[in-house]
């Protein structure tokens, strides 16, 4: 990013609601979001996924305190839109506590930050209501960054369809479109966030708002190797040590399933897109989600030239899918968040972000 672009972006940080199921990579993404002056975190909303809603609620509150983010944290959906749909929590990936077995350590660390430190209570509003309230309060301003199942966003659309015309943009970490053979991480064709609630994902992707999908096509290109993760130790106060320890469980999982000596930067890539979209290559076209059979949860983009024939994509808005990434730029962004010279948003007006 050149100096003029950086100055403009930092002068007018992007207001963000972070919809998340924390989650080790969610914790890493939230740190970058909390640190970067181009972004202005307004709220955290939770959803089931990497753990039960009780686990993700607790983790979101702990992380808000650990990263010193004085923003509302609202509890979201405990399961998919259809009550009878299958749900599976990713405890084998993220640990029983969602944070690689170190959630208690994160909480103790957060409470030790200052004499007045506390784990914030949950907001009284459900996540979908908080989303609608904040979007309606600032039409055209808010970006939704969703890195878990898309149930909360679907519920918000059902609750108040008018928000589709008022959201600045929606950035989703999810899906897989087959670029370089990257097609799914739960089934051969389905990615975890989408298959956890395909109906919600299809509703979000076909709504008349601008969506950018940061899927496995690019997130599996961005590998944080063990040496990179180890370099976090002793940086960012106690945060670097916490993230290093949390990623031990995560790294073991990926070594066992994919043979990589590191982790994929799934959720952090969605934050990186919000900060430096020019680091990504996009492809336009409407996106649908398969609902049935062995392809359930598959994300499919129609990027062909219109032929006039009616298809399941006809009448759906064109959305953006990331099909390329400059991985080194994403890694550099995340590394920069630990740099002491990288100001912790202290230039923002009171009440914005931290």
Protein backbone atom coordinates (compact mmCIF):
# COMPACT_ATOMS: atom_id res chain seq x y z
CA UNK A 1 0.00 0.00 0.00
CA UNK A 2 1.44 3.40 -0.94
CA UNK A 3 1.69 6.19 1.64
CA UNK A 4 -1.23 8.22 0.20
CA UNK A 5 -3.59 5.22 0.22
CA UNK A 6 -2.48 4.30 3.73
CA UNK A 7 -3.02 7.82 5.04
CA UNK A 8 -6.53 7.97 3.55
CA UNK A 9 -7.51 4.55 4.89
CA UNK A 10 -6.13 5.19 8.36
CA UNK A 11 -7.84 8.60 8.55
CA UNK A 12 -11.23 6.99 7.94
CA UNK A 13 -11.13 3.50 9.46
CA UNK A 14 -13.70 1.00 8.24
CA UNK A 15 -16.41 0.29 10.87
CA UNK A 16 -16.63 -3.49 11.32
CA UNK A 17 -18.90 -6.00 13.04
CA UNK A 18 -16.96 -9.22 13.55
CA UNK A 19 -19.18 -12.32 13.42
CA UNK A 20 -17.15 -15.21 14.78
CA UNK A 21 -17.02 -18.67 16.36
CA UNK A 22 -13.71 -18.38 18.25
CA UNK A 23 -11.70 -20.61 17.43
CA UNK A 24 -7.90 -20.38 17.26
CA UNK A 25 -7.71 -18.75 13.84
CA UNK A 26 -10.61 -16.47 14.88
CA UNK A 27 -8.48 -15.34 17.83
CA UNK A 28 -5.63 -14.52 15.47
CA UNK A 29 -7.93 -12.69 13.08
CA UNK A 30 -9.46 -10.64 15.88
CA UNK A 31 -6.02 -9.54 17.05
CA UNK A 32 -5.19 -8.19 13.58
CA UNK A 33 -8.61 -6.51 13.42
CA UNK A 34 -8.17 -4.96 16.85
CA UNK A 35 -4.68 -3.70 16.08
CA UNK A 36 -4.93 -2.32 12.59
CA UNK A 37 -5.76 1.41 12.30
CA UNK A 38 -7.55 0.89 8.97
CA UNK A 39 -10.32 -0.95 10.83
CA UNK A 40 -12.68 0.17 13.57
CA UNK A 41 -14.20 -2.73 15.52
CA UNK A 42 -17.73 -1.81 16.60
CA UNK A 43 -19.05 -5.14 17.91
CA UNK A 44 -18.39 -8.87 18.17
CA UNK A 45 -21.20 -11.35 17.51
CA UNK A 46 -20.85 -15.04 18.23
CA UNK A 47 -22.12 -18.16 16.51
CA UNK A 48 -21.79 -21.92 16.97
CA UNK A 49 -19.14 -23.68 14.90
CA UNK A 50 -15.68 -24.19 16.31
CA UNK A 51 -17.44 -24.93 19.59
CA UNK A 52 -20.87 -24.76 21.15
CA UNK A 53 -22.37 -21.31 21.58
CA UNK A 54 -21.45 -21.44 25.28
CA UNK A 55 -17.80 -22.00 24.31
CA UNK A 56 -17.73 -19.33 21.62
CA UNK A 57 -19.51 -16.81 23.85
CA UNK A 58 -16.91 -17.31 26.56
CA UNK A 59 -14.02 -17.09 24.14
CA UNK A 60 -15.29 -13.92 22.47
CA UNK A 61 -15.63 -12.21 25.85
CA UNK A 62 -12.15 -13.35 26.92
CA UNK A 63 -10.58 -12.17 23.67
CA UNK A 64 -12.33 -8.79 23.86
CA UNK A 65 -10.78 -8.30 27.30
CA UNK A 66 -7.36 -9.67 26.30
CA UNK A 67 -7.17 -7.37 23.28
CA UNK A 68 -8.66 -4.48 25.30
CA UNK A 69 -11.64 -3.96 22.98
CA UNK A 70 -14.44 -2.11 24.76
CA UNK A 71 -17.17 -3.14 22.33
CA UNK A 72 -20.47 -5.05 22.70
CA UNK A 73 -20.26 -8.84 22.54
CA UNK A 74 -23.60 -10.41 21.57
CA UNK A 75 -24.58 -14.07 21.65
CA UNK A 76 -25.77 -15.49 18.36
CA UNK A 77 -27.16 -18.68 16.91
CA UNK A 78 -26.61 -21.93 18.79
CA UNK A 79 -27.34 -23.98 15.66
CA UNK A 80 -28.28 -23.74 11.98
CA UNK A 81 -31.45 -22.21 10.56
CA UNK A 82 -33.09 -25.62 10.27
CA UNK A 83 -33.34 -27.20 13.70
CA UNK A 84 -33.16 -30.69 12.29
CA UNK A 85 -29.98 -30.01 10.32
CA UNK A 86 -26.83 -31.79 11.38
CA UNK A 87 -24.29 -29.79 13.35
CA UNK A 88 -20.77 -30.70 14.30
CA UNK A 89 -18.49 -28.68 16.57
CA UNK A 90 -14.83 -28.60 15.55
CA UNK A 91 -13.36 -29.58 18.94
CA UNK A 92 -10.99 -32.00 17.20
CA UNK A 93 -9.52 -28.98 15.39
CA UNK A 94 -9.62 -26.27 18.08
CA UNK A 95 -9.75 -28.26 21.32
CA UNK A 96 -12.60 -28.69 23.76
CA UNK A 97 -12.31 -25.06 24.89
CA UNK A 98 -12.01 -23.73 21.34
CA UNK A 99 -8.62 -22.16 22.02
CA UNK A 100 -6.28 -25.10 21.92
CA UNK A 101 -6.59 -25.84 25.62
CA UNK A 102 -5.42 -22.41 26.80
CA UNK A 103 -8.70 -20.51 27.22
CA UNK A 104 -8.19 -20.42 31.00
CA UNK A 105 -4.72 -18.96 30.49
CA UNK A 106 -6.15 -16.29 28.18
CA UNK A 107 -8.74 -15.37 30.80
CA UNK A 108 -6.17 -15.10 33.59
CA UNK A 109 -3.95 -13.01 31.36
CA UNK A 110 -6.82 -10.69 30.43
CA UNK A 111 -7.75 -10.15 34.07
CA UNK A 112 -4.13 -9.39 34.97
CA UNK A 113 -3.81 -6.58 32.45
CA UNK A 114 -4.85 -3.87 34.90
CA UNK A 115 -6.52 -3.52 38.31
CA UNK A 116 -9.83 -2.69 36.60
CA UNK A 117 -9.71 -5.39 33.93
CA UNK A 118 -12.82 -7.54 33.60
CA UNK A 119 -14.36 -10.00 31.20
CA UNK A 120 -17.26 -8.09 29.61
CA UNK A 121 -20.80 -9.39 29.99
CA UNK A 122 -22.84 -10.34 26.96
CA UNK A 123 -24.97 -7.63 25.38
CA UNK A 124 -28.68 -8.01 26.12
CA UNK A 125 -29.52 -8.18 22.42
CA UNK A 126 -29.20 -11.33 20.30
CA UNK A 127 -26.53 -11.09 17.63
CA UNK A 128 -28.90 -10.59 14.70
CA UNK A 129 -30.63 -7.71 16.51
CA UNK A 130 -27.33 -6.03 17.33
CA UNK A 131 -26.28 -6.33 13.69
CA UNK A 132 -29.51 -4.71 12.53
CA UNK A 133 -29.31 -1.95 15.14
CA UNK A 134 -25.75 -0.95 14.24
CA UNK A 135 -26.33 -1.13 10.49
CA UNK A 136 -29.49 0.98 10.73
CA UNK A 137 -27.68 3.52 12.90
CA UNK A 138 -25.04 4.09 10.21
CA UNK A 139 -26.48 3.30 6.76
CA UNK A 140 -23.77 2.62 4.21
CA UNK A 141 -20.95 2.47 6.74
CA UNK A 142 -20.75 -0.94 8.38
CA UNK A 143 -18.78 -3.87 6.98
CA UNK A 144 -19.74 -7.32 8.24
CA UNK A 145 -16.82 -9.72 8.50
CA UNK A 146 -18.11 -13.23 9.11
CA UNK A 147 -15.68 -16.06 9.81
CA UNK A 148 -18.04 -18.76 11.10
CA UNK A 149 -21.35 -20.27 9.96
CA UNK A 150 -23.51 -17.55 8.42
CA UNK A 151 -26.58 -18.13 10.57
CA UNK A 152 -26.50 -14.74 12.31
CA UNK A 153 -26.31 -12.85 9.02
CA UNK A 154 -29.20 -14.88 7.62
CA UNK A 155 -31.27 -14.20 10.75
CA UNK A 156 -30.48 -10.48 10.49
CA UNK A 157 -31.70 -10.45 6.87
CA UNK A 158 -34.89 -12.23 7.88
CA UNK A 159 -35.42 -9.86 10.80
CA UNK A 160 -34.89 -6.70 8.73
CA UNK A 161 -34.42 -7.24 4.97
CA UNK A 162 -33.71 -3.52 4.53
CA UNK A 163 -30.22 -3.91 5.98
CA UNK A 164 -29.08 -5.42 2.67
CA UNK A 165 -29.18 -1.94 1.13
CA UNK A 166 -27.49 -0.35 4.14
CA UNK A 167 -24.44 -2.56 4.68
CA UNK A 168 -21.23 -1.28 3.11
CA UNK A 169 -19.99 -4.78 2.31
CA UNK A 170 -19.93 -8.35 3.60
CA UNK A 171 -16.63 -10.25 3.81
CA UNK A 172 -17.00 -13.98 4.40
CA UNK A 173 -14.35 -16.53 5.24
CA UNK A 174 -15.89 -19.68 3.85
CA UNK A 175 -16.50 -21.85 0.85
CA UNK A 176 -14.21 -23.39 -1.74
CA UNK A 177 -14.39 -23.05 -5.52
CA UNK A 178 -11.81 -25.50 -6.81
CA UNK A 179 -8.94 -23.12 -7.58
CA UNK A 180 -5.75 -25.21 -7.72
CA UNK A 181 -7.82 -28.20 -6.62
CA UNK A 182 -8.98 -26.64 -3.35
CA UNK A 183 -12.53 -27.93 -3.02
CA UNK A 184 -13.40 -28.66 0.62
CA UNK A 185 -12.05 -29.44 4.08
CA UNK A 186 -15.01 -31.30 5.62
CA UNK A 187 -16.17 -33.20 2.55
CA UNK A 188 -14.50 -33.36 -0.87
CA UNK A 189 -16.54 -30.31 -1.91
CA UNK A 190 -17.64 -28.50 1.25
CA UNK A 191 -15.87 -26.09 3.59
CA UNK A 192 -16.63 -26.11 7.32
CA UNK A 193 -18.37 -22.75 7.78
CA UNK A 194 -20.69 -23.31 4.84
CA UNK A 195 -21.59 -26.93 5.52
CA UNK A 196 -22.47 -26.01 9.12
CA UNK A 197 -25.43 -24.04 7.72
CA UNK A 198 -25.76 -24.26 3.91
CA UNK A 199 -29.23 -22.69 3.94
CA UNK A 200 -27.90 -19.61 5.73
CA UNK A 201 -24.92 -19.36 3.39
CA UNK A 202 -27.12 -19.53 0.29
CA UNK A 203 -29.39 -16.83 1.71
CA UNK A 204 -26.39 -14.57 2.43
CA UNK A 205 -24.75 -15.12 -0.96
CA UNK A 206 -27.97 -14.47 -2.89
CA UNK A 207 -29.02 -11.38 -0.93
CA UNK A 208 -28.75 -8.05 -2.72
CA UNK A 209 -25.69 -6.79 -0.89
CA UNK A 210 -22.02 -6.87 -1.93
CA UNK A 211 -20.28 -10.04 -0.74
CA UNK A 212 -16.60 -10.96 -1.01
CA UNK A 213 -15.90 -14.64 -0.32
CA UNK A 214 -12.44 -15.45 1.03
CA UNK A 215 -12.43 -19.21 0.73
CA UNK A 216 -10.03 -22.12 0.82
CA UNK A 217 -8.89 -21.15 -2.68
CA UNK A 218 -6.76 -18.44 -1.06
CA UNK A 219 -6.63 -19.22 2.65
CA UNK A 220 -4.81 -22.49 2.00
CA UNK A 221 -2.22 -20.50 0.06
CA UNK A 222 -1.34 -18.54 3.20
CA UNK A 223 0.59 -20.85 5.51
CA UNK A 224 1.98 -19.62 8.81
CA UNK A 225 4.91 -21.97 9.27
CA UNK A 226 6.13 -23.06 12.68
CA UNK A 227 9.08 -20.65 12.64
CA UNK A 228 6.69 -17.79 11.83
CA UNK A 229 4.38 -18.80 14.68
CA UNK A 230 7.30 -19.21 17.08
CA UNK A 231 8.38 -15.64 16.34
CA UNK A 232 5.18 -14.40 18.04
CA UNK A 233 6.52 -15.45 21.45
CA UNK A 234 7.35 -12.50 23.68
CA UNK A 235 5.64 -10.05 21.32
CA UNK A 236 2.45 -8.06 21.79
CA UNK A 237 2.73 -8.28 25.56
CA UNK A 238 1.26 -11.61 26.60
CA UNK A 239 -0.72 -11.99 23.37
CA UNK A 240 2.12 -13.51 21.38
CA UNK A 241 2.73 -16.16 24.01
CA UNK A 242 -0.98 -16.98 24.17
CA UNK A 243 -1.32 -17.34 20.40
CA UNK A 244 1.83 -19.46 20.17
CA UNK A 245 0.48 -21.84 22.79
CA UNK A 246 -3.01 -21.92 21.26
CA UNK A 247 -1.60 -22.78 17.83
CA UNK A 248 0.21 -25.86 19.14
CA UNK A 249 -3.03 -27.86 19.01
CA UNK A 250 -4.00 -26.33 15.67
CA UNK A 251 -0.63 -27.07 14.10
CA UNK A 252 -0.76 -30.69 15.25
CA UNK A 253 -4.14 -31.06 13.56
CA UNK A 254 -2.91 -29.69 10.23
CA UNK A 255 0.24 -31.76 10.29
CA UNK A 256 -1.89 -34.84 10.86
CA UNK A 257 -4.41 -34.13 8.08
CA UNK A 258 -2.43 -32.18 5.46
CA UNK A 259 1.21 -32.77 6.42
CA UNK A 260 2.04 -29.05 6.67
CA UNK A 261 4.37 -27.80 9.39
CA UNK A 262 2.29 -24.81 10.28
CA UNK A 263 -1.31 -23.59 10.00
CA UNK A 264 -3.50 -22.03 7.34
CA UNK A 265 -4.34 -18.37 7.91
CA UNK A 266 -8.05 -18.87 7.25
CA UNK A 267 -9.78 -16.12 9.23
CA UNK A 268 -6.84 -13.72 9.23
CA UNK A 269 -7.05 -13.70 5.43
CA UNK A 270 -10.55 -12.22 5.64
CA UNK A 271 -9.22 -9.41 7.81
CA UNK A 272 -6.30 -8.95 5.42
CA UNK A 273 -8.77 -8.53 2.56
CA UNK A 274 -10.54 -5.75 4.47
CA UNK A 275 -7.22 -3.97 4.95
CA UNK A 276 -5.49 -4.66 1.61
CA UNK A 277 -7.99 -5.88 -0.99
CA UNK A 278 -5.38 -5.25 -3.67
CA UNK A 279 -3.46 -8.29 -2.36
CA UNK A 280 -6.25 -10.54 -3.69
CA UNK A 281 -7.48 -11.51 -7.16
CA UNK A 282 -11.26 -11.55 -7.53
CA UNK A 283 -13.71 -13.26 -9.86
CA UNK A 284 -17.29 -12.05 -10.36
CA UNK A 285 -20.45 -14.06 -10.65
CA UNK A 286 -23.49 -15.21 -8.67
CA UNK A 287 -22.88 -17.86 -6.01
CA UNK A 288 -25.20 -20.64 -4.86
CA UNK A 289 -24.82 -23.40 -2.26
CA UNK A 290 -25.82 -27.02 -2.82
CA UNK A 291 -28.40 -28.14 -0.27
CA UNK A 292 -28.77 -31.86 -0.74
CA UNK A 293 -26.96 -35.13 -1.24
CA UNK A 294 -23.23 -35.73 -1.31
CA UNK A 295 -22.64 -32.17 -2.60
CA UNK A 296 -24.39 -30.52 0.38
CA UNK A 297 -22.42 -27.43 1.36
CA UNK A 298 -20.65 -27.02 -1.98
CA UNK A 299 -20.25 -23.40 -3.09
CA UNK A 300 -20.65 -22.89 -6.84
CA UNK A 301 -20.08 -19.65 -8.75
CA UNK A 302 -21.44 -19.09 -12.24
CA UNK A 303 -18.75 -16.92 -13.82
CA UNK A 304 -19.74 -17.63 -17.43
CA UNK A 305 -21.03 -14.98 -19.79
CA UNK A 306 -24.85 -14.73 -19.59
CA UNK A 307 -26.49 -16.97 -22.19
CA UNK A 308 -30.12 -16.10 -21.58
CA UNK A 309 -30.92 -19.60 -20.34
CA UNK A 310 -32.57 -19.94 -16.96
CA UNK A 311 -30.33 -21.49 -14.30
CA UNK A 312 -30.34 -21.69 -10.48
CA UNK A 313 -28.08 -18.60 -10.56
CA UNK A 314 -30.47 -16.52 -12.71
CA UNK A 315 -31.63 -13.39 -10.94
CA UNK A 316 -29.01 -13.69 -8.22
CA UNK A 317 -26.62 -10.77 -7.68
CA UNK A 318 -23.05 -11.07 -8.84
CA UNK A 319 -20.66 -11.54 -5.92
CA UNK A 320 -16.87 -11.58 -5.65
CA UNK A 321 -14.85 -14.73 -5.01
CA UNK A 322 -11.15 -14.60 -4.14
CA UNK A 323 -9.19 -16.89 -6.46
CA UNK A 324 -5.67 -15.55 -5.93
CA UNK A 325 -3.64 -14.02 -3.10
CA UNK A 326 -0.22 -12.55 -2.50
CA UNK A 327 0.43 -14.70 0.56
CA UNK A 328 3.50 -12.77 1.64
CA UNK A 329 1.42 -9.60 2.01
CA UNK A 330 -1.06 -11.34 4.32
CA UNK A 331 1.77 -12.72 6.45
CA UNK A 332 3.45 -9.33 6.58
CA UNK A 333 0.21 -7.68 7.73
CA UNK A 334 -0.24 -10.12 10.58
CA UNK A 335 3.41 -9.82 11.59
CA UNK A 336 3.06 -6.03 11.60
CA UNK A 337 0.34 -6.27 14.26
CA UNK A 338 3.02 -7.31 16.77
CA UNK A 339 5.36 -4.43 15.94
CA UNK A 340 5.61 -2.03 18.92
CA UNK A 341 5.89 0.84 16.45
CA UNK A 342 2.51 -0.13 14.99
CA UNK A 343 0.27 2.06 17.10
CA UNK A 344 -2.60 0.35 18.94
CA UNK A 345 -5.21 2.67 17.37
CA UNK A 346 -4.50 5.37 19.95
CA UNK A 347 -5.14 8.09 17.35
CA UNK A 348 -8.81 7.18 17.04
CA UNK A 349 -11.49 9.36 18.57
CA UNK A 350 -12.80 8.14 21.91
CA UNK A 351 -15.43 5.44 21.56
CA UNK A 352 -14.04 3.99 18.33
CA UNK A 353 -12.40 0.59 18.62
CA UNK A 354 -10.35 0.03 21.73
